[in-house]
Amino acid sequence: MSEVAPAHTLAHPILTDDFATEWMGLKVLELGDGTATVSATLRREMLNGFGIAHGGMLFAIADSAFALACNPHAPAEDHNTITVAAGVDVNFLAPAHEGETITAVAAQRAQAGRSGVYDVQVFASPAGSAHTADAPGRLVAEFRGRSRTIPRR
């Protein structure tokens, strides 16, 4: 297993102690109100026995984008609540390969009281190519997350 340096390019309070996201080498590309875009490069230790991306890795990258999209960007001490996953569904559509850049784009679809619904699209693109709205890469997974805001403990 390789050592991975923190790659966060935009600040968000939940990233401070998020060691899983750090291990994945996740880069935060965009943050907005109810939106987030993140990326990571698929490393060898993120592959399954077939030599393609482990579904759990694609899920984890999508889940990180979901978490960033549904939590406020203000410092954590400014909030008495946190937003967590109440449930998720993921559909794996195509394989992703070592060295490819995985980009997850999360967006809020609905909010009602303490509950929310977010969609995350997961794309794979060749190493070194930039994700853009016009050229997002191959769609490899779709993730729908249901969020719930709860008291901070």
N, C-alpha and C. Protein backbone atom coordinates (compact mmCIF):
# COMPACT_ATOMS: atom_id res chain seq x y z
N MET A 1 0.85 -1.17 0.00
CA MET A 1 0.00 0.00 0.00
C MET A 1 0.89 1.23 0.00
N SER A 2 0.55 2.20 -0.84
CA SER A 2 1.36 3.41 -0.93
C SER A 2 0.90 4.46 0.06
N GLU A 3 1.82 5.33 0.43
CA GLU A 3 1.47 6.47 1.27
C GLU A 3 0.86 7.54 0.39
N VAL A 4 -0.18 8.17 0.86
CA VAL A 4 -0.87 9.19 0.08
C VAL A 4 -0.87 10.49 0.85
N ALA A 5 -0.37 11.54 0.23
CA ALA A 5 -0.38 12.86 0.86
C ALA A 5 -1.77 13.47 0.72
N PRO A 6 -2.19 14.27 1.70
CA PRO A 6 -3.49 14.93 1.57
C PRO A 6 -3.56 15.72 0.27
N ALA A 7 -4.69 15.64 -0.39
CA ALA A 7 -4.82 16.29 -1.70
C ALA A 7 -5.96 17.28 -1.74
N HIS A 8 -6.54 17.61 -0.60
CA HIS A 8 -7.69 18.51 -0.59
C HIS A 8 -7.27 19.87 -1.13
N THR A 9 -7.97 20.33 -2.16
CA THR A 9 -7.63 21.62 -2.75
C THR A 9 -8.60 22.71 -2.32
N LEU A 10 -9.75 22.35 -1.81
CA LEU A 10 -10.70 23.32 -1.28
C LEU A 10 -11.00 22.92 0.16
N ALA A 11 -11.12 23.89 1.03
CA ALA A 11 -11.34 23.59 2.45
C ALA A 11 -12.81 23.27 2.73
N HIS A 12 -13.02 22.28 3.55
CA HIS A 12 -14.35 21.94 4.07
C HIS A 12 -14.11 21.35 5.45
N PRO A 13 -14.85 21.77 6.47
CA PRO A 13 -14.56 21.33 7.84
C PRO A 13 -14.61 19.83 8.06
N ILE A 14 -15.43 19.08 7.30
CA ILE A 14 -15.49 17.64 7.56
C ILE A 14 -14.25 16.91 7.05
N LEU A 15 -13.40 17.58 6.28
CA LEU A 15 -12.20 16.94 5.77
C LEU A 15 -11.06 16.92 6.79
N THR A 16 -11.15 17.72 7.83
CA THR A 16 -10.07 17.86 8.80
C THR A 16 -9.62 16.52 9.36
N ASP A 17 -10.55 15.67 9.75
CA ASP A 17 -10.21 14.38 10.34
C ASP A 17 -10.74 13.21 9.51
N ASP A 18 -10.92 13.40 8.22
CA ASP A 18 -11.45 12.34 7.35
C ASP A 18 -10.29 11.56 6.75
N PHE A 19 -9.84 10.54 7.48
CA PHE A 19 -8.66 9.79 7.08
C PHE A 19 -8.92 8.88 5.87
N ALA A 20 -10.14 8.41 5.69
CA ALA A 20 -10.47 7.59 4.52
C ALA A 20 -10.35 8.42 3.25
N THR A 21 -10.89 9.62 3.29
CA THR A 21 -10.81 10.50 2.13
C THR A 21 -9.35 10.86 1.84
N GLU A 22 -8.58 11.07 2.88
CA GLU A 22 -7.15 11.35 2.72
C GLU A 22 -6.45 10.16 2.06
N TRP A 23 -6.74 8.94 2.54
CA TRP A 23 -6.11 7.74 1.98
C TRP A 23 -6.44 7.58 0.50
N MET A 24 -7.67 7.94 0.11
CA MET A 24 -8.06 7.82 -1.30
C MET A 24 -7.36 8.86 -2.17
N GLY A 25 -6.75 9.87 -1.56
CA GLY A 25 -6.11 10.93 -2.33
C GLY A 25 -7.13 11.83 -3.00
N LEU A 26 -8.26 11.98 -2.35
CA LEU A 26 -9.37 12.75 -2.92
C LEU A 26 -9.02 14.22 -3.08
N LYS A 27 -9.35 14.77 -4.22
CA LYS A 27 -9.19 16.20 -4.48
C LYS A 27 -10.58 16.81 -4.58
N VAL A 28 -10.79 17.89 -3.86
CA VAL A 28 -12.06 18.61 -3.93
C VAL A 28 -11.92 19.64 -5.05
N LEU A 29 -12.71 19.48 -6.09
CA LEU A 29 -12.62 20.36 -7.26
C LEU A 29 -13.57 21.54 -7.19
N GLU A 30 -14.78 21.29 -6.67
CA GLU A 30 -15.79 22.34 -6.58
C GLU A 30 -16.66 22.10 -5.36
N LEU A 31 -17.05 23.18 -4.70
CA LEU A 31 -18.01 23.13 -3.60
C LEU A 31 -19.03 24.23 -3.84
N GLY A 32 -20.29 23.91 -3.62
CA GLY A 32 -21.34 24.90 -3.74
C GLY A 32 -22.46 24.55 -2.78
N ASP A 33 -23.50 25.36 -2.77
CA ASP A 33 -24.64 25.10 -1.92
C ASP A 33 -25.38 23.87 -2.43
N GLY A 34 -25.21 22.74 -1.75
CA GLY A 34 -25.86 21.49 -2.16
C GLY A 34 -25.16 20.76 -3.28
N THR A 35 -23.92 21.16 -3.60
CA THR A 35 -23.17 20.50 -4.67
C THR A 35 -21.72 20.28 -4.26
N ALA A 36 -21.09 19.30 -4.88
CA ALA A 36 -19.66 19.06 -4.69
C ALA A 36 -19.16 18.22 -5.85
N THR A 37 -17.92 18.49 -6.25
CA THR A 37 -17.25 17.67 -7.26
C THR A 37 -15.89 17.29 -6.70
N VAL A 38 -15.59 15.99 -6.71
CA VAL A 38 -14.33 15.48 -6.18
C VAL A 38 -13.71 14.53 -7.20
N SER A 39 -12.40 14.29 -7.06
CA SER A 39 -11.76 13.32 -7.94
C SER A 39 -10.65 12.60 -7.20
N ALA A 40 -10.30 11.43 -7.72
CA ALA A 40 -9.19 10.64 -7.19
C ALA A 40 -8.66 9.78 -8.33
N THR A 41 -7.39 9.44 -8.26
CA THR A 41 -6.78 8.56 -9.24
C THR A 41 -6.85 7.13 -8.73
N LEU A 42 -7.31 6.21 -9.58
CA LEU A 42 -7.39 4.80 -9.17
C LEU A 42 -6.00 4.21 -9.08
N ARG A 43 -5.64 3.77 -7.87
CA ARG A 43 -4.36 3.13 -7.62
C ARG A 43 -4.55 1.62 -7.56
N ARG A 44 -3.45 0.90 -7.65
CA ARG A 44 -3.48 -0.57 -7.67
C ARG A 44 -4.25 -1.15 -6.48
N GLU A 45 -4.07 -0.58 -5.31
CA GLU A 45 -4.73 -1.12 -4.12
C GLU A 45 -6.23 -0.80 -4.08
N MET A 46 -6.73 -0.10 -5.10
CA MET A 46 -8.17 0.20 -5.21
C MET A 46 -8.87 -0.73 -6.20
N LEU A 47 -8.14 -1.71 -6.72
CA LEU A 47 -8.69 -2.63 -7.72
C LEU A 47 -9.14 -3.93 -7.08
N ASN A 48 -10.08 -4.59 -7.76
CA ASN A 48 -10.53 -5.90 -7.29
C ASN A 48 -9.73 -7.00 -8.00
N GLY A 49 -10.12 -8.25 -7.79
CA GLY A 49 -9.41 -9.38 -8.38
C GLY A 49 -9.50 -9.48 -9.89
N PHE A 50 -10.37 -8.72 -10.51
CA PHE A 50 -10.49 -8.69 -11.96
C PHE A 50 -9.63 -7.59 -12.59
N GLY A 51 -8.95 -6.82 -11.74
CA GLY A 51 -8.10 -5.74 -12.24
C GLY A 51 -8.85 -4.48 -12.61
N ILE A 52 -10.08 -4.35 -12.12
CA ILE A 52 -10.86 -3.14 -12.35
C ILE A 52 -11.19 -2.51 -11.00
N ALA A 53 -11.72 -1.30 -11.03
CA ALA A 53 -12.02 -0.60 -9.78
C ALA A 53 -12.93 -1.44 -8.89
N HIS A 54 -12.56 -1.57 -7.64
CA HIS A 54 -13.41 -2.22 -6.65
C HIS A 54 -14.65 -1.36 -6.48
N GLY A 55 -15.82 -1.97 -6.48
CA GLY A 55 -17.07 -1.22 -6.32
C GLY A 55 -17.08 -0.39 -5.05
N GLY A 56 -16.45 -0.90 -4.00
CA GLY A 56 -16.40 -0.15 -2.74
C GLY A 56 -15.62 1.14 -2.87
N MET A 57 -14.62 1.16 -3.76
CA MET A 57 -13.84 2.39 -3.98
C MET A 57 -14.67 3.42 -4.73
N LEU A 58 -15.39 3.00 -5.77
CA LEU A 58 -16.26 3.93 -6.49
C LEU A 58 -17.34 4.45 -5.55
N PHE A 59 -17.88 3.56 -4.72
CA PHE A 59 -18.88 3.96 -3.73
C PHE A 59 -18.30 4.99 -2.77
N ALA A 60 -17.09 4.74 -2.26
CA ALA A 60 -16.48 5.64 -1.28
C ALA A 60 -16.22 7.03 -1.87
N ILE A 61 -15.78 7.09 -3.12
CA ILE A 61 -15.55 8.39 -3.76
C ILE A 61 -16.88 9.13 -3.91
N ALA A 62 -17.92 8.41 -4.36
CA ALA A 62 -19.26 9.02 -4.49
C ALA A 62 -19.79 9.46 -3.13
N ASP A 63 -19.58 8.63 -2.11
CA ASP A 63 -20.06 8.94 -0.77
C ASP A 63 -19.39 10.19 -0.21
N SER A 64 -18.12 10.38 -0.51
CA SER A 64 -17.42 11.59 -0.07
C SER A 64 -18.00 12.83 -0.74
N ALA A 65 -18.30 12.74 -2.03
CA ALA A 65 -18.93 13.88 -2.71
C ALA A 65 -20.29 14.17 -2.10
N PHE A 66 -21.06 13.13 -1.82
CA PHE A 66 -22.37 13.25 -1.17
C PHE A 66 -22.24 13.96 0.17
N ALA A 67 -21.28 13.53 1.00
CA ALA A 67 -21.09 14.13 2.32
C ALA A 67 -20.75 15.61 2.22
N LEU A 68 -19.89 15.96 1.27
CA LEU A 68 -19.51 17.36 1.10
C LEU A 68 -20.69 18.20 0.62
N ALA A 69 -21.52 17.63 -0.25
CA ALA A 69 -22.66 18.38 -0.79
C ALA A 69 -23.73 18.63 0.26
N CYS A 70 -23.91 17.70 1.20
CA CYS A 70 -25.03 17.85 2.13
C CYS A 70 -24.65 18.42 3.49
N ASN A 71 -23.40 18.83 3.67
CA ASN A 71 -22.99 19.47 4.92
C ASN A 71 -22.55 20.90 4.64
N PRO A 72 -22.87 21.83 5.55
CA PRO A 72 -22.50 23.24 5.36
C PRO A 72 -20.99 23.40 5.27
N HIS A 73 -20.56 24.45 4.59
CA HIS A 73 -19.13 24.70 4.42
C HIS A 73 -18.53 25.55 5.52
N ALA A 74 -19.37 26.06 6.43
CA ALA A 74 -18.86 26.87 7.54
C ALA A 74 -18.13 25.96 8.53
N PRO A 75 -17.27 26.52 9.38
CA PRO A 75 -16.56 25.71 10.37
C PRO A 75 -17.52 24.88 11.22
N ALA A 76 -17.11 23.67 11.53
CA ALA A 76 -17.96 22.73 12.27
C ALA A 76 -18.45 23.29 13.60
N GLU A 77 -17.62 24.10 14.27
CA GLU A 77 -18.03 24.64 15.57
C GLU A 77 -19.19 25.63 15.44
N ASP A 78 -19.49 26.06 14.22
CA ASP A 78 -20.61 26.98 13.99
C ASP A 78 -21.95 26.25 13.87
N HIS A 79 -21.94 24.93 13.92
CA HIS A 79 -23.17 24.17 13.69
C HIS A 79 -23.45 23.22 14.85
N ASN A 80 -24.73 23.11 15.20
CA ASN A 80 -25.15 22.17 16.23
C ASN A 80 -25.68 20.88 15.63
N THR A 81 -25.66 20.79 14.30
CA THR A 81 -26.15 19.59 13.62
C THR A 81 -25.13 19.13 12.59
N ILE A 82 -25.27 17.87 12.19
CA ILE A 82 -24.50 17.31 11.08
C ILE A 82 -25.49 16.58 10.18
N THR A 83 -25.10 16.39 8.94
CA THR A 83 -25.95 15.66 8.01
C THR A 83 -25.23 14.38 7.62
N VAL A 84 -25.93 13.25 7.77
CA VAL A 84 -25.36 11.93 7.52
C VAL A 84 -26.23 11.19 6.51
N ALA A 85 -25.71 10.08 6.02
CA ALA A 85 -26.47 9.24 5.09
C ALA A 85 -27.52 8.45 5.85
N ALA A 86 -28.75 8.51 5.36
CA ALA A 86 -29.83 7.68 5.90
C ALA A 86 -29.95 6.40 5.07
N GLY A 87 -29.48 6.46 3.84
CA GLY A 87 -29.50 5.31 2.95
C GLY A 87 -28.98 5.72 1.60
N VAL A 88 -28.48 4.74 0.86
CA VAL A 88 -27.97 5.01 -0.49
C VAL A 88 -28.26 3.83 -1.40
N ASP A 89 -28.31 4.12 -2.67
CA ASP A 89 -28.37 3.10 -3.72
C ASP A 89 -27.28 3.45 -4.72
N VAL A 90 -26.62 2.43 -5.25
CA VAL A 90 -25.61 2.69 -6.27
C VAL A 90 -25.79 1.68 -7.39
N ASN A 91 -25.63 2.16 -8.60
CA ASN A 91 -25.66 1.31 -9.79
C ASN A 91 -24.32 1.43 -10.49
N PHE A 92 -23.63 0.28 -10.64
CA PHE A 92 -22.35 0.25 -11.34
C PHE A 92 -22.64 -0.02 -12.81
N LEU A 93 -22.18 0.86 -13.69
CA LEU A 93 -22.57 0.81 -15.09
C LEU A 93 -21.46 0.35 -16.03
N ALA A 94 -20.21 0.62 -15.68
CA ALA A 94 -19.07 0.26 -16.53
C ALA A 94 -17.82 0.17 -15.67
N PRO A 95 -16.82 -0.60 -16.10
CA PRO A 95 -15.60 -0.72 -15.31
C PRO A 95 -14.72 0.53 -15.42
N ALA A 96 -13.93 0.74 -14.39
CA ALA A 96 -12.90 1.78 -14.39
C ALA A 96 -11.57 1.07 -14.13
N HIS A 97 -10.47 1.66 -14.61
CA HIS A 97 -9.19 0.98 -14.62
C HIS A 97 -8.10 1.76 -13.90
N GLU A 98 -7.07 1.02 -13.49
CA GLU A 98 -5.93 1.63 -12.79
C GLU A 98 -5.39 2.81 -13.58
N GLY A 99 -5.10 3.88 -12.85
CA GLY A 99 -4.53 5.08 -13.45
C GLY A 99 -5.57 6.07 -13.94
N GLU A 100 -6.82 5.63 -14.08
CA GLU A 100 -7.86 6.55 -14.53
C GLU A 100 -8.23 7.51 -13.40
N THR A 101 -8.70 8.68 -13.78
CA THR A 101 -9.20 9.65 -12.82
C THR A 101 -10.69 9.42 -12.65
N ILE A 102 -11.10 9.24 -11.40
CA ILE A 102 -12.52 9.07 -11.08
C ILE A 102 -13.02 10.41 -10.56
N THR A 103 -14.08 10.90 -11.15
CA THR A 103 -14.68 12.17 -10.74
C THR A 103 -16.12 11.92 -10.33
N ALA A 104 -16.49 12.39 -9.14
CA ALA A 104 -17.86 12.26 -8.64
C ALA A 104 -18.47 13.64 -8.52
N VAL A 105 -19.64 13.80 -9.13
CA VAL A 105 -20.34 15.08 -9.16
C VAL A 105 -21.66 14.92 -8.41
N ALA A 106 -21.78 15.59 -7.26
CA ALA A 106 -22.96 15.46 -6.40
C ALA A 106 -23.82 16.71 -6.48
N ALA A 107 -25.15 16.49 -6.47
CA ALA A 107 -26.08 17.62 -6.50
C ALA A 107 -27.34 17.27 -5.72
N GLN A 108 -27.79 18.23 -4.93
CA GLN A 108 -29.04 18.06 -4.18
C GLN A 108 -30.21 18.05 -5.15
N ARG A 109 -31.14 17.12 -4.95
CA ARG A 109 -32.34 17.03 -5.78
C ARG A 109 -33.59 17.46 -5.04
N ALA A 110 -33.62 17.23 -3.72
CA ALA A 110 -34.80 17.59 -2.93
C ALA A 110 -34.40 17.78 -1.48
N GLN A 111 -35.15 18.64 -0.78
CA GLN A 111 -34.95 18.87 0.65
C GLN A 111 -36.32 19.06 1.28
N ALA A 112 -36.58 18.33 2.35
CA ALA A 112 -37.84 18.47 3.08
C ALA A 112 -37.55 18.29 4.56
N GLY A 113 -37.63 19.37 5.32
CA GLY A 113 -37.31 19.30 6.74
C GLY A 113 -35.87 18.86 6.94
N ARG A 114 -35.67 17.78 7.70
CA ARG A 114 -34.32 17.29 7.98
C ARG A 114 -33.84 16.24 6.98
N SER A 115 -34.63 15.97 5.95
CA SER A 115 -34.29 14.94 4.96
C SER A 115 -33.95 15.55 3.61
N GLY A 116 -33.02 14.92 2.92
CA GLY A 116 -32.63 15.39 1.59
C GLY A 116 -32.36 14.22 0.67
N VAL A 117 -32.37 14.50 -0.62
CA VAL A 117 -32.04 13.51 -1.65
C VAL A 117 -30.98 14.12 -2.55
N TYR A 118 -29.91 13.36 -2.79
CA TYR A 118 -28.78 13.81 -3.60
C TYR A 118 -28.45 12.76 -4.64
N ASP A 119 -28.13 13.21 -5.84
CA ASP A 119 -27.65 12.32 -6.90
C ASP A 119 -26.17 12.59 -7.12
N VAL A 120 -25.43 11.50 -7.33
CA VAL A 120 -24.00 11.60 -7.61
C VAL A 120 -23.72 10.79 -8.87
N GLN A 121 -23.14 11.43 -9.85
CA GLN A 121 -22.68 10.72 -11.05
C GLN A 121 -21.18 10.52 -10.93
N VAL A 122 -20.73 9.31 -11.28
CA VAL A 122 -19.32 8.95 -11.16
C VAL A 122 -18.77 8.68 -12.56
N PHE A 123 -17.72 9.41 -12.92
CA PHE A 123 -17.13 9.32 -14.25
C PHE A 123 -15.69 8.82 -14.16
N ALA A 124 -15.22 8.13 -15.20
CA ALA A 124 -13.82 7.73 -15.33
C ALA A 124 -13.26 8.37 -16.59
N SER A 125 -12.04 8.88 -16.48
CA SER A 125 -11.38 9.47 -17.65
C SER A 125 -9.90 9.11 -17.60
N PRO A 126 -9.25 9.10 -18.75
CA PRO A 126 -7.82 8.76 -18.78
C PRO A 126 -7.00 9.68 -17.87
N ALA A 127 -5.94 9.13 -17.33
CA ALA A 127 -5.05 9.91 -16.46
C ALA A 127 -4.63 11.18 -17.17
N GLY A 128 -4.66 12.29 -16.45
CA GLY A 128 -4.21 13.56 -16.98
C GLY A 128 -5.27 14.35 -17.73
N SER A 129 -6.40 13.74 -18.04
CA SER A 129 -7.44 14.51 -18.73
C SER A 129 -8.32 15.19 -17.69
N ALA A 130 -8.72 16.39 -18.00
CA ALA A 130 -9.52 17.18 -17.05
C ALA A 130 -11.00 16.90 -17.23
N HIS A 131 -11.71 16.80 -16.11
CA HIS A 131 -13.17 16.65 -16.13
C HIS A 131 -13.78 18.02 -16.38
N THR A 132 -14.62 18.11 -17.40
CA THR A 132 -15.37 19.34 -17.65
C THR A 132 -16.82 18.97 -17.90
N ALA A 133 -17.70 19.94 -17.82
CA ALA A 133 -19.11 19.68 -18.08
C ALA A 133 -19.32 19.19 -19.51
N ASP A 134 -18.48 19.65 -20.43
CA ASP A 134 -18.60 19.23 -21.83
C ASP A 134 -17.96 17.88 -22.10
N ALA A 135 -16.97 17.50 -21.30
CA ALA A 135 -16.26 16.23 -21.48
C ALA A 135 -16.04 15.58 -20.12
N PRO A 136 -17.11 15.04 -19.52
CA PRO A 136 -16.97 14.51 -18.17
C PRO A 136 -16.28 13.16 -18.07
N GLY A 137 -16.09 12.45 -19.16
CA GLY A 137 -15.55 11.10 -19.12
C GLY A 137 -16.67 10.09 -19.27
N ARG A 138 -16.33 8.81 -19.07
CA ARG A 138 -17.32 7.73 -19.16
C ARG A 138 -18.10 7.64 -17.86
N LEU A 139 -19.40 7.55 -17.95
CA LEU A 139 -20.23 7.35 -16.76
C LEU A 139 -20.05 5.91 -16.30
N VAL A 140 -19.52 5.71 -15.08
CA VAL A 140 -19.27 4.35 -14.59
C VAL A 140 -20.19 3.96 -13.44
N ALA A 141 -20.82 4.93 -12.78
CA ALA A 141 -21.74 4.60 -11.68
C ALA A 141 -22.67 5.78 -11.42
N GLU A 142 -23.83 5.45 -10.90
CA GLU A 142 -24.77 6.46 -10.41
C GLU A 142 -25.16 6.09 -9.00
N PHE A 143 -25.19 7.10 -8.14
CA PHE A 143 -25.39 6.94 -6.70
C PHE A 143 -26.51 7.88 -6.30
N ARG A 144 -27.46 7.39 -5.53
CA ARG A 144 -28.49 8.27 -4.96
C ARG A 144 -28.41 8.13 -3.45
N GLY A 145 -28.22 9.27 -2.79
CA GLY A 145 -28.11 9.28 -1.34
C GLY A 145 -29.28 10.00 -0.69
N ARG A 146 -29.74 9.43 0.40
CA ARG A 146 -30.79 10.06 1.21
C ARG A 146 -30.13 10.53 2.50
N SER A 147 -30.25 11.82 2.77
CA SER A 147 -29.57 12.39 3.94
C SER A 147 -30.55 12.68 5.07
N ARG A 148 -29.98 12.77 6.26
CA ARG A 148 -30.77 13.13 7.44
C ARG A 148 -29.90 14.02 8.31
N THR A 149 -30.44 15.16 8.73
CA THR A 149 -29.73 16.07 9.62
C THR A 149 -30.06 15.68 11.05
N ILE A 150 -29.01 15.51 11.86
CA ILE A 150 -29.16 15.06 13.24
C ILE A 150 -28.35 15.98 14.16
N PRO A 151 -28.64 15.95 15.48
CA PRO A 151 -27.86 16.77 16.42
C PRO A 151 -26.40 16.32 16.48
N ARG A 152 -25.50 17.29 16.60
CA ARG A 152 -24.08 16.97 16.80
C ARG A 152 -23.92 16.48 18.24
N ARG A 153 -23.10 15.47 18.44
CA ARG A 153 -22.87 14.94 19.79
C ARG A 153 -21.46 15.21 20.23
